Amino acid sequence: MNYYIATTVAQPFDDVVSEVIELLQAEGFGVLADIDVRAALKSKIGAEMTRYRILGACDPSLAHEALRIEDKLGVLLPC
């Protein structure tokens, strides 16, 4: 069972992250959390890994509508 969508790109990592943030903003999403997993694991447990970022994106209007329908949905939202 797949629980993600994967795409491989040739651009530099930081350029892709910046572009994704811009594209999210163009669609009405804000990035409320930007977690550098590699840095966090390195500082906490000394683990080495490839670059890995989690962008917690949220569209406030969609979040509000979803929470009105199901108030427990907040466990899935970054906002």
PDB file of N, CA and C in Angstrom:
ATOM      1  N   MET A   1       0.836  -1.174   0.000  1.00  0.00           N
ATOM      2  CA  MET A   1       0.000   0.000   0.000  1.00  0.00           C
ATOM      3  C   MET A   1       0.885   1.242   0.000  1.00  0.00           C
ATOM      4  N   ASN A   2       0.677   2.121  -0.958  1.00  0.00           N
ATOM      5  CA  ASN A   2       1.415   3.380  -0.994  1.00  0.00           C
ATOM      6  C   ASN A   2       0.659   4.442  -0.210  1.00  0.00           C
ATOM      7  N   TYR A   3       1.372   5.194   0.573  1.00  0.00           N
ATOM      8  CA  TYR A   3       0.777   6.276   1.345  1.00  0.00           C
ATOM      9  C   TYR A   3       1.451   7.609   1.034  1.00  0.00           C
ATOM     10  N   TYR A   4       2.111   7.685  -0.101  1.00  0.00           N
ATOM     11  CA  TYR A   4       2.815   8.903  -0.493  1.00  0.00           C
ATOM     12  C   TYR A   4       2.849   9.000  -2.011  1.00  0.00           C
ATOM     13  N   ILE A   5       3.189  10.197  -2.484  1.00  0.00           N
ATOM     14  CA  ILE A   5       3.410  10.429  -3.903  1.00  0.00           C
ATOM     15  C   ILE A   5       4.863  10.847  -4.038  1.00  0.00           C
ATOM     16  N   ALA A   6       5.599  10.230  -4.926  1.00  0.00           N
ATOM     17  CA  ALA A   6       7.015  10.524  -5.100  1.00  0.00           C
ATOM     18  C   ALA A   6       7.289  11.068  -6.495  1.00  0.00           C
ATOM     19  N   THR A   7       8.188  12.036  -6.560  1.00  0.00           N
ATOM     20  CA  THR A   7       8.635  12.600  -7.826  1.00  0.00           C
ATOM     21  C   THR A   7      10.137  12.840  -7.726  1.00  0.00           C
ATOM     22  N   THR A   8      10.855  12.480  -8.753  1.00  0.00           N
ATOM     23  CA  THR A   8      12.289  12.725  -8.799  1.00  0.00           C
ATOM     24  C   THR A   8      12.539  13.936  -9.693  1.00  0.00           C
ATOM     25  N   VAL A   9      13.336  14.866  -9.203  1.00  0.00           N
ATOM     26  CA  VAL A   9      13.654  16.073  -9.964  1.00  0.00           C
ATOM     27  C   VAL A   9      15.164  16.240 -10.038  1.00  0.00           C
ATOM     28  N   ALA A  10      15.629  16.984 -11.030  1.00  0.00           N
ATOM     29  CA  ALA A  10      17.063  17.147 -11.243  1.00  0.00           C
ATOM     30  C   ALA A  10      17.611  18.435 -10.627  1.00  0.00           C
ATOM     31  N   GLN A  11      16.739  19.324 -10.172  1.00  0.00           N
ATOM     32  CA  GLN A  11      17.201  20.595  -9.621  1.00  0.00           C
ATOM     33  C   GLN A  11      17.837  20.404  -8.241  1.00  0.00           C
ATOM     34  N   PRO A  12      18.640  21.384  -7.812  1.00  0.00           N
ATOM     35  CA  PRO A  12      19.221  21.332  -6.467  1.00  0.00           C
ATOM     36  C   PRO A  12      18.136  21.329  -5.387  1.00  0.00           C
ATOM     37  N   PHE A  13      18.409  20.648  -4.307  1.00  0.00           N
ATOM     38  CA  PHE A  13      17.445  20.440  -3.221  1.00  0.00           C
ATOM     39  C   PHE A  13      16.832  21.755  -2.735  1.00  0.00           C
ATOM     40  N   ASP A  14      17.683  22.740  -2.391  1.00  0.00           N
ATOM     41  CA  ASP A  14      17.170  24.003  -1.855  1.00  0.00           C
ATOM     42  C   ASP A  14      16.301  24.746  -2.859  1.00  0.00           C
ATOM     43  N   ASP A  15      16.641  24.660  -4.134  1.00  0.00           N
ATOM     44  CA  ASP A  15      15.830  25.293  -5.174  1.00  0.00           C
ATOM     45  C   ASP A  15      14.444  24.664  -5.244  1.00  0.00           C
ATOM     46  N   VAL A  16      14.398  23.349  -5.120  1.00  0.00           N
ATOM     47  CA  VAL A  16      13.119  22.641  -5.178  1.00  0.00           C
ATOM     48  C   VAL A  16      12.257  23.009  -3.973  1.00  0.00           C
ATOM     49  N   VAL A  17      12.856  23.049  -2.791  1.00  0.00           N
ATOM     50  CA  VAL A  17      12.097  23.428  -1.594  1.00  0.00           C
ATOM     51  C   VAL A  17      11.513  24.825  -1.765  1.00  0.00           C
ATOM     52  N   SER A  18      12.317  25.777  -2.231  1.00  0.00           N
ATOM     53  CA  SER A  18      11.827  27.141  -2.445  1.00  0.00           C
ATOM     54  C   SER A  18      10.692  27.169  -3.459  1.00  0.00           C
ATOM     55  N   GLU A  19      10.835  26.411  -4.534  1.00  0.00           N
ATOM     56  CA  GLU A  19       9.797  26.383  -5.566  1.00  0.00           C
ATOM     57  C   GLU A  19       8.505  25.765  -5.039  1.00  0.00           C
ATOM     58  N   VAL A  20       8.625  24.706  -4.271  1.00  0.00           N
ATOM     59  CA  VAL A  20       7.435  24.063  -3.698  1.00  0.00           C
ATOM     60  C   VAL A  20       6.710  25.043  -2.778  1.00  0.00           C
ATOM     61  N   ILE A  21       7.453  25.771  -1.954  1.00  0.00           N
ATOM     62  CA  ILE A  21       6.834  26.756  -1.057  1.00  0.00           C
ATOM     63  C   ILE A  21       6.107  27.825  -1.870  1.00  0.00           C
ATOM     64  N   GLU A  22       6.740  28.323  -2.917  1.00  0.00           N
ATOM     65  CA  GLU A  22       6.101  29.330  -3.776  1.00  0.00           C
ATOM     66  C   GLU A  22       4.828  28.789  -4.428  1.00  0.00           C
ATOM     67  N   LEU A  23       4.885  27.555  -4.917  1.00  0.00           N
ATOM     68  CA  LEU A  23       3.718  26.955  -5.567  1.00  0.00           C
ATOM     69  C   LEU A  23       2.579  26.722  -4.568  1.00  0.00           C
ATOM     70  N   LEU A  24       2.925  26.325  -3.363  1.00  0.00           N
ATOM     71  CA  LEU A  24       1.909  26.166  -2.320  1.00  0.00           C
ATOM     72  C   LEU A  24       1.232  27.506  -2.023  1.00  0.00           C
ATOM     73  N   GLN A  25       2.042  28.556  -1.900  1.00  0.00           N
ATOM     74  CA  GLN A  25       1.499  29.882  -1.617  1.00  0.00           C
ATOM     75  C   GLN A  25       0.592  30.351  -2.749  1.00  0.00           C
ATOM     76  N   ALA A  26       0.941  30.048  -3.980  1.00  0.00           N
ATOM     77  CA  ALA A  26       0.119  30.441  -5.124  1.00  0.00           C
ATOM     78  C   ALA A  26      -1.244  29.753  -5.097  1.00  0.00           C
ATOM     79  N   GLU A  27      -1.332  28.614  -4.414  1.00  0.00           N
ATOM     80  CA  GLU A  27      -2.592  27.883  -4.299  1.00  0.00           C
ATOM     81  C   GLU A  27      -3.322  28.176  -2.989  1.00  0.00           C
ATOM     82  N   GLY A  28      -2.824  29.148  -2.215  1.00  0.00           N
ATOM     83  CA  GLY A  28      -3.506  29.538  -0.987  1.00  0.00           C
ATOM     84  C   GLY A  28      -3.033  28.838   0.271  1.00  0.00           C
ATOM     85  N   PHE A  29      -1.965  28.087   0.168  1.00  0.00           N
ATOM     86  CA  PHE A  29      -1.427  27.378   1.328  1.00  0.00           C
ATOM     87  C   PHE A  29      -0.287  28.182   1.946  1.00  0.00           C
ATOM     88  N   GLY A  30      -0.188  28.134   3.247  1.00  0.00           N
ATOM     89  CA  GLY A  30       0.948  28.699   3.944  1.00  0.00           C
ATOM     90  C   GLY A  30       1.765  27.566   4.543  1.00  0.00           C
ATOM     91  N   VAL A  31       3.064  27.750   4.645  1.00  0.00           N
ATOM     92  CA  VAL A  31       3.922  26.751   5.280  1.00  0.00           C
ATOM     93  C   VAL A  31       4.105  27.180   6.731  1.00  0.00           C
ATOM     94  N   LEU A  32       3.460  26.455   7.625  1.00  0.00           N
ATOM     95  CA  LEU A  32       3.482  26.790   9.044  1.00  0.00           C
ATOM     96  C   LEU A  32       4.598  26.086   9.792  1.00  0.00           C
ATOM     97  N   ALA A  33       5.108  25.017   9.199  1.00  0.00           N
ATOM     98  CA  ALA A  33       6.199  24.274   9.827  1.00  0.00           C
ATOM     99  C   ALA A  33       7.179  23.845   8.745  1.00  0.00           C
ATOM    100  N   ASP A  34       8.452  23.995   9.028  1.00  0.00           N
ATOM    101  CA  ASP A  34       9.510  23.563   8.112  1.00  0.00           C
ATOM    102  C   ASP A  34      10.529  22.826   8.965  1.00  0.00           C
ATOM    103  N   ILE A  35      10.460  21.505   8.928  1.00  0.00           N
ATOM    104  CA  ILE A  35      11.287  20.674   9.800  1.00  0.00           C
ATOM    105  C   ILE A  35      12.435  20.077   8.996  1.00  0.00           C
ATOM    106  N   ASP A  36      13.650  20.378   9.403  1.00  0.00           N
ATOM    107  CA  ASP A  36      14.846  19.798   8.800  1.00  0.00           C
ATOM    108  C   ASP A  36      15.147  18.513   9.574  1.00  0.00           C
ATOM    109  N   VAL A  37      14.647  17.409   9.047  1.00  0.00           N
ATOM    110  CA  VAL A  37      14.763  16.123   9.741  1.00  0.00           C
ATOM    111  C   VAL A  37      16.217  15.709   9.880  1.00  0.00           C
ATOM    112  N   ARG A  38      17.014  15.913   8.838  1.00  0.00           N
ATOM    113  CA  ARG A  38      18.425  15.534   8.904  1.00  0.00           C
ATOM    114  C   ARG A  38      19.132  16.261  10.036  1.00  0.00           C
ATOM    115  N   ALA A  39      18.921  17.572  10.148  1.00  0.00           N
ATOM    116  CA  ALA A  39      19.566  18.353  11.208  1.00  0.00           C
ATOM    117  C   ALA A  39      19.064  17.940  12.586  1.00  0.00           C
ATOM    118  N   ALA A  40      17.765  17.677  12.696  1.00  0.00           N
ATOM    119  CA  ALA A  40      17.200  17.286  13.989  1.00  0.00           C
ATOM    120  C   ALA A  40      17.767  15.949  14.463  1.00  0.00           C
ATOM    121  N   LEU A  41      17.829  14.968  13.563  1.00  0.00           N
ATOM    122  CA  LEU A  41      18.355  13.659  13.958  1.00  0.00           C
ATOM    123  C   LEU A  41      19.848  13.714  14.248  1.00  0.00           C
ATOM    124  N   LYS A  42      20.562  14.543  13.495  1.00  0.00           N
ATOM    125  CA  LYS A  42      22.001  14.710  13.746  1.00  0.00           C
ATOM    126  C   LYS A  42      22.232  15.300  15.133  1.00  0.00           C
ATOM    127  N   SER A  43      21.482  16.329  15.493  1.00  0.00           N
ATOM    128  CA  SER A  43      21.697  16.992  16.783  1.00  0.00           C
ATOM    129  C   SER A  43      21.191  16.163  17.958  1.00  0.00           C
ATOM    130  N   LYS A  44      20.133  15.393  17.754  1.00  0.00           N
ATOM    131  CA  LYS A  44      19.540  14.625  18.857  1.00  0.00           C
ATOM    132  C   LYS A  44      20.226  13.292  19.117  1.00  0.00           C
ATOM    133  N   ILE A  45      20.544  12.565  18.031  1.00  0.00           N
ATOM    134  CA  ILE A  45      21.097  11.219  18.222  1.00  0.00           C
ATOM    135  C   ILE A  45      22.354  10.961  17.405  1.00  0.00           C
ATOM    136  N   GLY A  46      22.858  11.987  16.740  1.00  0.00           N
ATOM    137  CA  GLY A  46      24.078  11.842  15.960  1.00  0.00           C
ATOM    138  C   GLY A  46      23.905  11.054  14.672  1.00  0.00           C
ATOM    139  N   ALA A  47      22.679  10.851  14.230  1.00  0.00           N
ATOM    140  CA  ALA A  47      22.416  10.053  13.032  1.00  0.00           C
ATOM    141  C   ALA A  47      22.761  10.833  11.770  1.00  0.00           C
ATOM    142  N   GLU A  48      23.304  10.128  10.799  1.00  0.00           N
ATOM    143  CA  GLU A  48      23.606  10.704   9.483  1.00  0.00           C
ATOM    144  C   GLU A  48      22.557  10.207   8.502  1.00  0.00           C
ATOM    145  N   MET A  49      22.032  11.114   7.694  1.00  0.00           N
ATOM    146  CA  MET A  49      21.083  10.720   6.662  1.00  0.00           C
ATOM    147  C   MET A  49      21.089  11.747   5.543  1.00  0.00           C
ATOM    148  N   THR A  50      20.417  11.419   4.448  1.00  0.00           N
ATOM    149  CA  THR A  50      20.313  12.358   3.336  1.00  0.00           C
ATOM    150  C   THR A  50      19.395  13.513   3.732  1.00  0.00           C
ATOM    151  N   ARG A  51      19.415  14.553   2.909  1.00  0.00           N
ATOM    152  CA  ARG A  51      18.586  15.726   3.191  1.00  0.00           C
ATOM    153  C   ARG A  51      17.117  15.322   3.192  1.00  0.00           C
ATOM    154  N   TYR A  52      16.386  15.818   4.177  1.00  0.00           N
ATOM    155  CA  TYR A  52      14.991  15.435   4.351  1.00  0.00           C
ATOM    156  C   TYR A  52      14.277  16.582   5.044  1.00  0.00           C
ATOM    157  N   ARG A  53      13.295  17.174   4.374  1.00  0.00           N
ATOM    158  CA  ARG A  53      12.532  18.285   4.957  1.00  0.00           C
ATOM    159  C   ARG A  53      11.058  17.934   4.968  1.00  0.00           C
ATOM    160  N   ILE A  54      10.382  18.334   6.015  1.00  0.00           N
ATOM    161  CA  ILE A  54       8.934  18.204   6.104  1.00  0.00           C
ATOM    162  C   ILE A  54       8.355  19.613   6.113  1.00  0.00           C
ATOM    163  N   LEU A  55       7.506  19.904   5.128  1.00  0.00           N
ATOM    164  CA  LEU A  55       6.829  21.193   5.064  1.00  0.00           C
ATOM    165  C   LEU A  55       5.386  20.982   5.511  1.00  0.00           C
ATOM    166  N   GLY A  56       5.029  21.598   6.602  1.00  0.00           N
ATOM    167  CA  GLY A  56       3.654  21.523   7.102  1.00  0.00           C
ATOM    168  C   GLY A  56       2.844  22.635   6.472  1.00  0.00           C
ATOM    169  N   ALA A  57       2.098  22.313   5.422  1.00  0.00           N
ATOM    170  CA  ALA A  57       1.342  23.319   4.676  1.00  0.00           C
ATOM    171  C   ALA A  57      -0.131  23.261   5.056  1.00  0.00           C
ATOM    172  N   CYS A  58      -0.758  24.438   5.069  1.00  0.00           N
ATOM    173  CA  CYS A  58      -2.155  24.517   5.463  1.00  0.00           C
ATOM    174  C   CYS A  58      -2.856  25.618   4.680  1.00  0.00           C
ATOM    175  N   ASP A  59      -4.043  25.311   4.190  1.00  0.00           N
ATOM    176  CA  ASP A  59      -4.930  26.312   3.592  1.00  0.00           C
ATOM    177  C   ASP A  59      -5.961  26.630   4.677  1.00  0.00           C
ATOM    178  N   PRO A  60      -5.922  27.827   5.247  1.00  0.00           N
ATOM    179  CA  PRO A  60      -6.806  28.142   6.377  1.00  0.00           C
ATOM    180  C   PRO A  60      -8.290  27.926   6.075  1.00  0.00           C
ATOM    181  N   SER A  61      -8.728  28.272   4.882  1.00  0.00           N
ATOM    182  CA  SER A  61     -10.141  28.094   4.533  1.00  0.00           C
ATOM    183  C   SER A  61     -10.528  26.624   4.501  1.00  0.00           C
ATOM    184  N   LEU A  62      -9.674  25.802   3.888  1.00  0.00           N
ATOM    185  CA  LEU A  62      -9.953  24.367   3.836  1.00  0.00           C
ATOM    186  C   LEU A  62      -9.879  23.735   5.227  1.00  0.00           C
ATOM    187  N   ALA A  63      -8.915  24.177   6.027  1.00  0.00           N
ATOM    188  CA  ALA A  63      -8.790  23.650   7.386  1.00  0.00           C
ATOM    189  C   ALA A  63     -10.030  23.989   8.199  1.00  0.00           C
ATOM    190  N   HIS A  64     -10.508  25.220   8.099  1.00  0.00           N
ATOM    191  CA  HIS A  64     -11.693  25.631   8.842  1.00  0.00           C
ATOM    192  C   HIS A  64     -12.916  24.825   8.414  1.00  0.00           C
ATOM    193  N   GLU A  65     -13.103  24.656   7.114  1.00  0.00           N
ATOM    194  CA  GLU A  65     -14.233  23.874   6.615  1.00  0.00           C
ATOM    195  C   GLU A  65     -14.160  22.428   7.098  1.00  0.00           C
ATOM    196  N   ALA A  66     -12.976  21.832   7.013  1.00  0.00           N
ATOM    197  CA  ALA A  66     -12.809  20.440   7.447  1.00  0.00           C
ATOM    198  C   ALA A  66     -13.072  20.294   8.942  1.00  0.00           C
ATOM    199  N   LEU A  67     -12.594  21.229   9.747  1.00  0.00           N
ATOM    200  CA  LEU A  67     -12.792  21.150  11.197  1.00  0.00           C
ATOM    201  C   LEU A  67     -14.254  21.363  11.589  1.00  0.00           C
ATOM    202  N   ARG A  68     -14.982  22.131  10.796  1.00  0.00           N
ATOM    203  CA  ARG A  68     -16.414  22.294  11.065  1.00  0.00           C
ATOM    204  C   ARG A  68     -17.152  20.977  10.835  1.00  0.00           C
ATOM    205  N   ILE A  69     -16.680  20.182   9.881  1.00  0.00           N
ATOM    206  CA  ILE A  69     -17.306  18.897   9.572  1.00  0.00           C
ATOM    207  C   ILE A  69     -16.877  17.837  10.571  1.00  0.00           C
ATOM    208  N   GLU A  70     -15.597  17.838  10.911  1.00  0.00           N
ATOM    209  CA  GLU A  70     -15.043  16.812  11.816  1.00  0.00           C
ATOM    210  C   GLU A  70     -14.017  17.466  12.729  1.00  0.00           C
ATOM    211  N   ASP A  71     -14.408  17.775  13.956  1.00  0.00           N
ATOM    212  CA  ASP A  71     -13.518  18.524  14.848  1.00  0.00           C
ATOM    213  C   ASP A  71     -12.288  17.751  15.306  1.00  0.00           C
ATOM    214  N   LYS A  72     -12.277  16.462  15.152  1.00  0.00           N
ATOM    215  CA  LYS A  72     -11.098  15.653  15.531  1.00  0.00           C
ATOM    216  C   LYS A  72     -10.044  15.616  14.417  1.00  0.00           C
ATOM    217  N   LEU A  73     -10.382  16.199  13.270  1.00  0.00           N
ATOM    218  CA  LEU A  73      -9.478  16.189  12.125  1.00  0.00           C
ATOM    219  C   LEU A  73      -8.175  16.946  12.406  1.00  0.00           C
ATOM    220  N   GLY A  74      -8.163  17.771  13.424  1.00  0.00           N
ATOM    221  CA  GLY A  74      -6.979  18.540  13.763  1.00  0.00           C
ATOM    222  C   GLY A  74      -5.731  17.697  13.985  1.00  0.00           C
ATOM    223  N   VAL A  75      -5.901  16.437  14.323  1.00  0.00           N
ATOM    224  CA  VAL A  75      -4.732  15.577  14.517  1.00  0.00           C
ATOM    225  C   VAL A  75      -3.951  15.377  13.221  1.00  0.00           C
ATOM    226  N   LEU A  76      -4.562  15.686  12.078  1.00  0.00           N
ATOM    227  CA  LEU A  76      -3.906  15.526  10.791  1.00  0.00           C
ATOM    228  C   LEU A  76      -3.397  16.835  10.202  1.00  0.00           C
ATOM    229  N   LEU A  77      -3.692  17.947  10.854  1.00  0.00           N
ATOM    230  CA  LEU A  77      -3.352  19.247  10.303  1.00  0.00           C
ATOM    231  C   LEU A  77      -2.088  19.819  10.936  1.00  0.00           C
ATOM    232  N   PRO A  78      -1.233  20.452  10.111  1.00  0.00           N
ATOM    233  CA  PRO A  78      -0.055  21.119  10.679  1.00  0.00           C
ATOM    234  C   PRO A  78      -0.422  22.432  11.354  1.00  0.00           C
ATOM    235  N   CYS A  79      -1.618  22.946  11.066  1.00  0.00           N
ATOM    236  CA  CYS A  79      -2.031  24.211  11.632  1.00  0.00           C
ATOM    237  C   CYS A  79      -2.995  23.982  12.775  1.00  0.00           C
TER     238      CYS A  79
END
